[in-house]
Amino acid sequence: MNQFDERDRTRMCDEIAAFFKEEHDLDLGVIGTGRILDFFQEMLGDRIYNKALDDAKHFYVRYADNMETDYYALYKDVK
């Protein structure tokens, strides 16, 4: 299930540990932060992925609409 390389996973676990220390005054170890990361990845990963696809589609549709407008703006008036 782990889809992150070790460097990214370590960085994210460090950020999780810092968050829990700052917000809740809890010291979490490597195992605790890893389990939290796995939990959120399992619970939210597919939803975030699908949202990113929807955002990309929305961007593409806007881009295509602008491209069509720009295309017709290139036309010259014919007398």
Protein backbone atom coordinates (compact mmCIF):
# COMPACT_ATOMS: atom_id res chain seq x y z
CA MET A 1 0.00 0.00 0.00
CA ASN A 2 2.93 2.37 0.60
CA GLN A 3 3.03 4.52 -2.53
CA PHE A 4 5.63 7.04 -1.39
CA ASP A 5 9.37 6.71 -1.66
CA GLU A 6 11.22 6.48 1.63
CA ARG A 7 12.48 10.07 1.59
CA ASP A 8 8.98 11.51 1.03
CA ARG A 9 7.47 9.17 3.61
CA THR A 10 10.07 10.24 6.19
CA ARG A 11 9.43 13.92 5.46
CA MET A 12 5.67 13.49 5.80
CA CYS A 13 6.05 11.55 9.05
CA ASP A 14 8.27 14.34 10.40
CA GLU A 15 5.58 16.87 9.50
CA ILE A 16 2.90 14.75 11.19
CA ALA A 17 5.06 14.51 14.33
CA ALA A 18 5.61 18.28 14.34
CA PHE A 19 1.87 18.92 13.91
CA PHE A 20 0.90 16.66 16.81
CA LYS A 21 3.61 18.17 18.99
CA GLU A 22 2.55 21.74 18.23
CA GLU A 23 -1.22 21.25 18.24
CA HIS A 24 -1.65 18.58 20.92
CA ASP A 25 1.67 18.52 22.78
CA LEU A 26 2.06 14.82 21.86
CA ASP A 27 5.37 13.19 21.03
CA LEU A 28 4.78 10.57 18.35
CA GLY A 29 7.43 8.14 17.23
CA VAL A 30 8.16 6.73 13.80
CA ILE A 31 5.63 3.93 14.14
CA GLY A 32 2.85 6.26 15.31
CA THR A 33 3.39 8.80 12.57
CA GLY A 34 3.66 6.04 9.97
CA ARG A 35 0.35 4.56 11.08
CA ILE A 36 -1.32 7.98 10.92
CA LEU A 37 0.06 8.54 7.41
CA ASP A 38 -1.15 5.09 6.31
CA PHE A 39 -4.59 5.74 7.83
CA PHE A 40 -5.08 9.03 6.00
CA GLN A 41 -3.67 7.65 2.79
CA GLU A 42 -6.15 4.76 2.96
CA MET A 43 -9.09 6.97 3.93
CA LEU A 44 -8.42 9.95 1.67
CA GLY A 45 -6.06 8.79 -1.08
CA ASP A 46 -8.69 7.78 -3.64
CA ARG A 47 -10.82 10.83 -2.91
CA ILE A 48 -7.87 13.19 -3.37
CA TYR A 49 -6.85 11.37 -6.55
CA ASN A 50 -10.37 11.66 -8.00
CA LYS A 51 -10.55 15.34 -7.05
CA ALA A 52 -7.25 15.95 -8.83
CA LEU A 53 -8.65 14.27 -11.96
CA ASP A 54 -11.77 16.44 -11.77
CA ASP A 55 -9.62 19.57 -11.37
CA ALA A 56 -7.47 18.56 -14.35
CA LYS A 57 -10.58 17.99 -16.49
CA HIS A 58 -11.99 21.38 -15.46
CA PHE A 59 -8.68 23.03 -16.39
CA TYR A 60 -8.62 21.22 -19.74
CA VAL A 61 -12.20 22.23 -20.59
CA ARG A 62 -11.42 25.89 -19.80
CA TYR A 63 -8.20 25.68 -21.82
CA ALA A 64 -10.02 24.13 -24.79
CA ASP A 65 -12.72 26.82 -24.65
CA ASN A 66 -10.08 29.55 -24.63
CA MET A 67 -8.22 27.88 -27.47
CA GLU A 68 -11.35 27.88 -29.64
CA THR A 69 -11.97 31.56 -28.88
CA ASP A 70 -8.34 32.39 -29.68
CA TYR A 71 -8.59 30.39 -32.92
CA TYR A 72 -11.53 32.41 -34.19
CA ALA A 73 -9.88 35.64 -33.10
CA LEU A 74 -7.18 34.93 -35.69
CA TYR A 75 -9.66 35.12 -38.57
CA LYS A 76 -9.32 38.10 -40.87
CA ASP A 77 -12.29 40.14 -42.00
CA VAL A 78 -13.10 39.31 -45.63
CA LYS A 79 -14.33 42.18 -47.77
